[in-house]
PDB file of all heavy atoms in Angstrom:
ATOM      1  N   SER A   1       2.770  -5.559   1.948  1.00  0.00           N
ATOM      2  CA  SER A   1       2.950  -6.882   2.521  1.00  0.00           C
ATOM      3  C   SER A   1       1.596  -7.525   2.811  1.00  0.00           C
ATOM      4  O   SER A   1       0.559  -6.844   2.823  1.00  0.00           O
ATOM      5  CB  SER A   1       3.767  -6.776   3.819  1.00  0.00           C
ATOM      6  OG  SER A   1       3.076  -5.980   4.764  1.00  0.00           O
ATOM      7  N   SER A   2       1.608  -8.824   3.083  1.00  0.00           N
ATOM      8  CA  SER A   2       0.341  -9.518   3.318  1.00  0.00           C
ATOM      9  C   SER A   2      -0.348  -9.006   4.580  1.00  0.00           C
ATOM     10  O   SER A   2      -1.576  -8.987   4.654  1.00  0.00           O
ATOM     11  CB  SER A   2       0.558 -11.026   3.411  1.00  0.00           C
ATOM     12  OG  SER A   2       1.415 -11.342   4.492  1.00  0.00           O
ATOM     13  N   SER A   3       0.434  -8.572   5.551  1.00  0.00           N
ATOM     14  CA  SER A   3      -0.140  -8.023   6.777  1.00  0.00           C
ATOM     15  C   SER A   3      -0.641  -6.604   6.597  1.00  0.00           C
ATOM     16  O   SER A   3      -1.425  -6.098   7.411  1.00  0.00           O
ATOM     17  CB  SER A   3       0.912  -8.027   7.899  1.00  0.00           C
ATOM     18  OG  SER A   3       1.924  -7.070   7.623  1.00  0.00           O
ATOM     19  N   GLY A   4      -0.164  -5.948   5.541  1.00  0.00           N
ATOM     20  CA  GLY A   4      -0.481  -4.539   5.347  1.00  0.00           C
ATOM     21  C   GLY A   4       0.438  -3.615   6.108  1.00  0.00           C
ATOM     22  O   GLY A   4       0.329  -2.397   5.993  1.00  0.00           O
ATOM     23  N   GLY A   5       1.363  -4.200   6.868  1.00  0.00           N
ATOM     24  CA  GLY A   5       2.197  -3.392   7.735  1.00  0.00           C
ATOM     25  C   GLY A   5       3.360  -2.705   7.042  1.00  0.00           C
ATOM     26  O   GLY A   5       3.948  -1.772   7.592  1.00  0.00           O
ATOM     27  N   ARG A   6       3.697  -3.176   5.881  1.00  0.00           N
ATOM     28  CA  ARG A   6       4.796  -2.554   5.137  1.00  0.00           C
ATOM     29  C   ARG A   6       4.335  -2.226   3.731  1.00  0.00           C
ATOM     30  O   ARG A   6       3.689  -3.043   3.067  1.00  0.00           O
ATOM     31  CB  ARG A   6       6.013  -3.470   5.094  1.00  0.00           C
ATOM     32  CG  ARG A   6       6.725  -3.652   6.431  1.00  0.00           C
ATOM     33  CD  ARG A   6       8.055  -4.316   6.229  1.00  0.00           C
ATOM     34  NE  ARG A   6       9.009  -3.436   5.549  1.00  0.00           N
ATOM     35  CZ  ARG A   6      10.109  -3.864   4.943  1.00  0.00           C
ATOM     36  NH1 ARG A   6      10.380  -5.155   4.893  1.00  0.00           N
ATOM     37  NH2 ARG A   6      10.926  -3.021   4.371  1.00  0.00           N
ATOM     38  N   THR A   7       4.693  -1.027   3.300  1.00  0.00           N
ATOM     39  CA  THR A   7       4.371  -0.581   1.955  1.00  0.00           C
ATOM     40  C   THR A   7       5.582   0.105   1.348  1.00  0.00           C
ATOM     41  O   THR A   7       6.503   0.526   2.073  1.00  0.00           O
ATOM     42  CB  THR A   7       3.185   0.400   1.950  1.00  0.00           C
ATOM     43  OG1 THR A   7       3.538   1.556   2.733  1.00  0.00           O
ATOM     44  CG2 THR A   7       1.928  -0.222   2.533  1.00  0.00           C
ATOM     45  N   ASN A   8       5.578   0.220   0.037  1.00  0.00           N
ATOM     46  CA  ASN A   8       6.635   0.959  -0.638  1.00  0.00           C
ATOM     47  C   ASN A   8       6.108   1.505  -1.950  1.00  0.00           C
ATOM     48  O   ASN A   8       5.110   0.984  -2.496  1.00  0.00           O
ATOM     49  CB  ASN A   8       7.848   0.075  -0.882  1.00  0.00           C
ATOM     50  CG  ASN A   8       9.125   0.892  -1.122  1.00  0.00           C
ATOM     51  OD1 ASN A   8       9.165   2.088  -0.815  1.00  0.00           O
ATOM     52  ND2 ASN A   8      10.151   0.264  -1.653  1.00  0.00           N
ATOM     53  N   TYR A   9       6.765   2.558  -2.432  1.00  0.00           N
ATOM     54  CA  TYR A   9       6.311   3.245  -3.625  1.00  0.00           C
ATOM     55  C   TYR A   9       7.505   3.611  -4.501  1.00  0.00           C
ATOM     56  O   TYR A   9       8.585   3.919  -3.996  1.00  0.00           O
ATOM     57  CB  TYR A   9       5.570   4.530  -3.254  1.00  0.00           C
ATOM     58  CG  TYR A   9       4.391   4.324  -2.344  1.00  0.00           C
ATOM     59  CD1 TYR A   9       4.547   4.290  -0.966  1.00  0.00           C
ATOM     60  CD2 TYR A   9       3.104   4.152  -2.871  1.00  0.00           C
ATOM     61  CE1 TYR A   9       3.472   4.084  -0.128  1.00  0.00           C
ATOM     62  CE2 TYR A   9       2.028   3.950  -2.039  1.00  0.00           C
ATOM     63  CZ  TYR A   9       2.219   3.917  -0.667  1.00  0.00           C
ATOM     64  OH  TYR A   9       1.144   3.709   0.156  1.00  0.00           O
ATOM     65  N   VAL A  10       7.269   3.632  -5.800  1.00  0.00           N
ATOM     66  CA  VAL A  10       8.278   4.184  -6.688  1.00  0.00           C
ATOM     67  C   VAL A  10       8.355   5.689  -6.438  1.00  0.00           C
ATOM     68  O   VAL A  10       7.359   6.320  -6.062  1.00  0.00           O
ATOM     69  CB  VAL A  10       7.918   3.863  -8.162  1.00  0.00           C
ATOM     70  CG1 VAL A  10       6.675   4.606  -8.616  1.00  0.00           C
ATOM     71  CG2 VAL A  10       9.097   4.118  -9.070  1.00  0.00           C
ATOM     72  N   ASP A  11       9.534   6.261  -6.598  1.00  0.00           N
ATOM     73  CA  ASP A  11       9.733   7.668  -6.232  1.00  0.00           C
ATOM     74  C   ASP A  11       8.744   8.599  -6.925  1.00  0.00           C
ATOM     75  O   ASP A  11       8.300   9.589  -6.336  1.00  0.00           O
ATOM     76  CB  ASP A  11      11.159   8.099  -6.572  1.00  0.00           C
ATOM     77  CG  ASP A  11      12.188   7.545  -5.600  1.00  0.00           C
ATOM     78  OD1 ASP A  11      11.783   7.059  -4.525  1.00  0.00           O
ATOM     79  OD2 ASP A  11      13.378   7.597  -5.924  1.00  0.00           O
ATOM     80  N   SER A  12       8.390   8.312  -8.154  1.00  0.00           N
ATOM     81  CA  SER A  12       7.548   9.221  -8.926  1.00  0.00           C
ATOM     82  C   SER A  12       6.124   9.353  -8.387  1.00  0.00           C
ATOM     83  O   SER A  12       5.405  10.275  -8.771  1.00  0.00           O
ATOM     84  CB  SER A  12       7.508   8.792 -10.392  1.00  0.00           C
ATOM     85  OG  SER A  12       6.977   7.491 -10.506  1.00  0.00           O
ATOM     86  N   VAL A  13       5.695   8.434  -7.521  1.00  0.00           N
ATOM     87  CA  VAL A  13       4.328   8.502  -6.994  1.00  0.00           C
ATOM     88  C   VAL A  13       4.288   8.749  -5.490  1.00  0.00           C
ATOM     89  O   VAL A  13       3.200   8.885  -4.917  1.00  0.00           O
ATOM     90  CB  VAL A  13       3.511   7.237  -7.332  1.00  0.00           C
ATOM     91  CG1 VAL A  13       3.584   6.937  -8.826  1.00  0.00           C
ATOM     92  CG2 VAL A  13       3.947   6.034  -6.514  1.00  0.00           C
ATOM     93  N   LYS A  14       5.442   8.797  -4.848  1.00  0.00           N
ATOM     94  CA  LYS A  14       5.469   9.012  -3.401  1.00  0.00           C
ATOM     95  C   LYS A  14       4.786  10.324  -3.043  1.00  0.00           C
ATOM     96  O   LYS A  14       5.011  11.347  -3.676  1.00  0.00           O
ATOM     97  CB  LYS A  14       6.911   9.005  -2.887  1.00  0.00           C
ATOM     98  CG  LYS A  14       7.518   7.624  -2.796  1.00  0.00           C
ATOM     99  CD  LYS A  14       8.939   7.667  -2.254  1.00  0.00           C
ATOM    100  CE  LYS A  14       9.533   6.265  -2.154  1.00  0.00           C
ATOM    101  NZ  LYS A  14      10.934   6.283  -1.692  1.00  0.00           N
ATOM    102  N   GLY A  15       3.950  10.262  -2.023  1.00  0.00           N
ATOM    103  CA  GLY A  15       3.216  11.441  -1.594  1.00  0.00           C
ATOM    104  C   GLY A  15       1.932  11.668  -2.356  1.00  0.00           C
ATOM    105  O   GLY A  15       1.123  12.521  -1.962  1.00  0.00           O
ATOM    106  N   ARG A  16       1.722  10.931  -3.446  1.00  0.00           N
ATOM    107  CA  ARG A  16       0.495  11.086  -4.235  1.00  0.00           C
ATOM    108  C   ARG A  16      -0.369   9.826  -4.215  1.00  0.00           C
ATOM    109  O   ARG A  16      -1.597   9.909  -4.259  1.00  0.00           O
ATOM    110  CB  ARG A  16       0.847  11.429  -5.690  1.00  0.00           C
ATOM    111  CG  ARG A  16       1.658  12.694  -5.856  1.00  0.00           C
ATOM    112  CD  ARG A  16       1.779  13.088  -7.325  1.00  0.00           C
ATOM    113  NE  ARG A  16       2.514  12.105  -8.107  1.00  0.00           N
ATOM    114  CZ  ARG A  16       2.019  11.469  -9.175  1.00  0.00           C
ATOM    115  NH1 ARG A  16       0.789  11.726  -9.584  1.00  0.00           N
ATOM    116  NH2 ARG A  16       2.762  10.605  -9.851  1.00  0.00           N
ATOM    117  N   PHE A  17       0.264   8.671  -4.183  1.00  0.00           N
ATOM    118  CA  PHE A  17      -0.460   7.391  -4.210  1.00  0.00           C
ATOM    119  C   PHE A  17      -0.393   6.735  -2.840  1.00  0.00           C
ATOM    120  O   PHE A  17       0.608   6.852  -2.121  1.00  0.00           O
ATOM    121  CB  PHE A  17       0.173   6.444  -5.228  1.00  0.00           C
ATOM    122  CG  PHE A  17      -0.016   6.816  -6.672  1.00  0.00           C
ATOM    123  CD1 PHE A  17      -0.496   8.049  -7.059  1.00  0.00           C
ATOM    124  CD2 PHE A  17       0.285   5.895  -7.669  1.00  0.00           C
ATOM    125  CE1 PHE A  17      -0.671   8.390  -8.396  1.00  0.00           C
ATOM    126  CE2 PHE A  17       0.128   6.197  -9.009  1.00  0.00           C
ATOM    127  CZ  PHE A  17      -0.345   7.459  -9.367  1.00  0.00           C
ATOM    128  N   THR A  18      -1.454   6.012  -2.502  1.00  0.00           N
ATOM    129  CA  THR A  18      -1.490   5.264  -1.256  1.00  0.00           C
ATOM    130  C   THR A  18      -2.056   3.871  -1.523  1.00  0.00           C
ATOM    131  O   THR A  18      -3.161   3.746  -2.074  1.00  0.00           O
ATOM    132  CB  THR A  18      -2.359   5.959  -0.203  1.00  0.00           C
ATOM    133  OG1 THR A  18      -1.876   7.280   0.027  1.00  0.00           O
ATOM    134  CG2 THR A  18      -2.344   5.180   1.106  1.00  0.00           C
ATOM    135  N   ILE A  19      -1.302   2.859  -1.120  1.00  0.00           N
ATOM    136  CA  ILE A  19      -1.770   1.484  -1.260  1.00  0.00           C
ATOM    137  C   ILE A  19      -2.334   1.027   0.088  1.00  0.00           C
ATOM    138  O   ILE A  19      -1.817   1.381   1.147  1.00  0.00           O
ATOM    139  CB  ILE A  19      -0.633   0.552  -1.737  1.00  0.00           C
ATOM    140  CG1 ILE A  19      -1.170  -0.816  -2.129  1.00  0.00           C
ATOM    141  CG2 ILE A  19       0.478   0.449  -0.692  1.00  0.00           C
ATOM    142  CD1 ILE A  19      -0.138  -1.703  -2.830  1.00  0.00           C
ATOM    143  N   SER A  20      -3.401   0.256   0.029  1.00  0.00           N
ATOM    144  CA  SER A  20      -3.994  -0.263   1.250  1.00  0.00           C
ATOM    145  C   SER A  20      -4.688  -1.574   0.916  1.00  0.00           C
ATOM    146  O   SER A  20      -4.866  -1.915  -0.251  1.00  0.00           O
ATOM    147  CB  SER A  20      -4.997   0.738   1.852  1.00  0.00           C
ATOM    148  OG  SER A  20      -6.068   0.978   0.949  1.00  0.00           O
ATOM    149  N   ARG A  21      -5.080  -2.290   1.963  1.00  0.00           N
ATOM    150  CA  ARG A  21      -5.761  -3.550   1.715  1.00  0.00           C
ATOM    151  C   ARG A  21      -6.811  -3.785   2.784  1.00  0.00           C
ATOM    152  O   ARG A  21      -6.676  -3.336   3.919  1.00  0.00           O
ATOM    153  CB  ARG A  21      -4.766  -4.716   1.690  1.00  0.00           C
ATOM    154  CG  ARG A  21      -4.005  -4.965   2.979  1.00  0.00           C
ATOM    155  CD  ARG A  21      -2.855  -5.964   2.746  1.00  0.00           C
ATOM    156  NE  ARG A  21      -3.369  -7.237   2.250  1.00  0.00           N
ATOM    157  CZ  ARG A  21      -2.643  -8.085   1.507  1.00  0.00           C
ATOM    158  NH1 ARG A  21      -1.399  -7.791   1.176  1.00  0.00           N
ATOM    159  NH2 ARG A  21      -3.178  -9.229   1.110  1.00  0.00           N
ATOM    160  N   ASP A  22      -7.858  -4.481   2.374  1.00  0.00           N
ATOM    161  CA  ASP A  22      -8.927  -4.888   3.274  1.00  0.00           C
ATOM    162  C   ASP A  22      -9.058  -6.401   3.093  1.00  0.00           C
ATOM    163  O   ASP A  22      -9.764  -6.863   2.185  1.00  0.00           O
ATOM    164  CB  ASP A  22     -10.228  -4.163   2.936  1.00  0.00           C
ATOM    165  CG  ASP A  22     -11.341  -4.458   3.918  1.00  0.00           C
ATOM    166  OD1 ASP A  22     -11.260  -5.484   4.635  1.00  0.00           O
ATOM    167  OD2 ASP A  22     -12.300  -3.676   3.966  1.00  0.00           O
ATOM    168  N   ASN A  23      -8.376  -7.137   3.922  1.00  0.00           N
ATOM    169  CA  ASN A  23      -8.373  -8.588   3.746  1.00  0.00           C
ATOM    170  C   ASN A  23      -9.752  -9.193   3.969  1.00  0.00           C
ATOM    171  O   ASN A  23     -10.076 -10.240   3.399  1.00  0.00           O
ATOM    172  CB  ASN A  23      -7.346  -9.231   4.676  1.00  0.00           C
ATOM    173  CG  ASN A  23      -5.914  -9.013   4.192  1.00  0.00           C
ATOM    174  OD1 ASN A  23      -5.702  -8.547   3.072  1.00  0.00           O
ATOM    175  ND2 ASN A  23      -4.944  -9.332   5.027  1.00  0.00           N
ATOM    176  N   ALA A  24     -10.577  -8.549   4.763  1.00  0.00           N
ATOM    177  CA  ALA A  24     -11.934  -9.048   4.971  1.00  0.00           C
ATOM    178  C   ALA A  24     -12.740  -9.000   3.675  1.00  0.00           C
ATOM    179  O   ALA A  24     -13.633  -9.824   3.453  1.00  0.00           O
ATOM    180  CB  ALA A  24     -12.633  -8.232   6.055  1.00  0.00           C
ATOM    181  N   LYS A  25     -12.412  -8.027   2.835  1.00  0.00           N
ATOM    182  CA  LYS A  25     -13.094  -7.904   1.535  1.00  0.00           C
ATOM    183  C   LYS A  25     -12.279  -8.536   0.416  1.00  0.00           C
ATOM    184  O   LYS A  25     -12.676  -8.463  -0.748  1.00  0.00           O
ATOM    185  CB  LYS A  25     -13.352  -6.431   1.217  1.00  0.00           C
ATOM    186  CG  LYS A  25     -14.331  -5.764   2.171  1.00  0.00           C
ATOM    187  CD  LYS A  25     -14.619  -4.328   1.747  1.00  0.00           C
ATOM    188  CE  LYS A  25     -15.651  -3.689   2.674  1.00  0.00           C
ATOM    189  NZ  LYS A  25     -15.945  -2.286   2.284  1.00  0.00           N
ATOM    190  N   ASN A  26     -11.102  -9.092   0.788  1.00  0.00           N
ATOM    191  CA  ASN A  26     -10.244  -9.726  -0.222  1.00  0.00           C
ATOM    192  C   ASN A  26      -9.891  -8.760  -1.348  1.00  0.00           C
ATOM    193  O   ASN A  26      -9.859  -9.137  -2.526  1.00  0.00           O
ATOM    194  CB  ASN A  26     -10.917 -10.983  -0.796  1.00  0.00           C
ATOM    195  CG  ASN A  26     -10.006 -12.191  -0.780  1.00  0.00           C
ATOM    196  OD1 ASN A  26      -9.074 -12.282   0.012  1.00  0.00           O
ATOM    197  ND2 ASN A  26     -10.275 -13.143  -1.669  1.00  0.00           N
TER     198      ASN A  26
END
């Protein structure tokens, strides 16, 4: 989400991939 507060993953990557964002760095 734009706030970074909600994330979701396809089942095949859960536990292996992590999404994150740094809005200050765009």
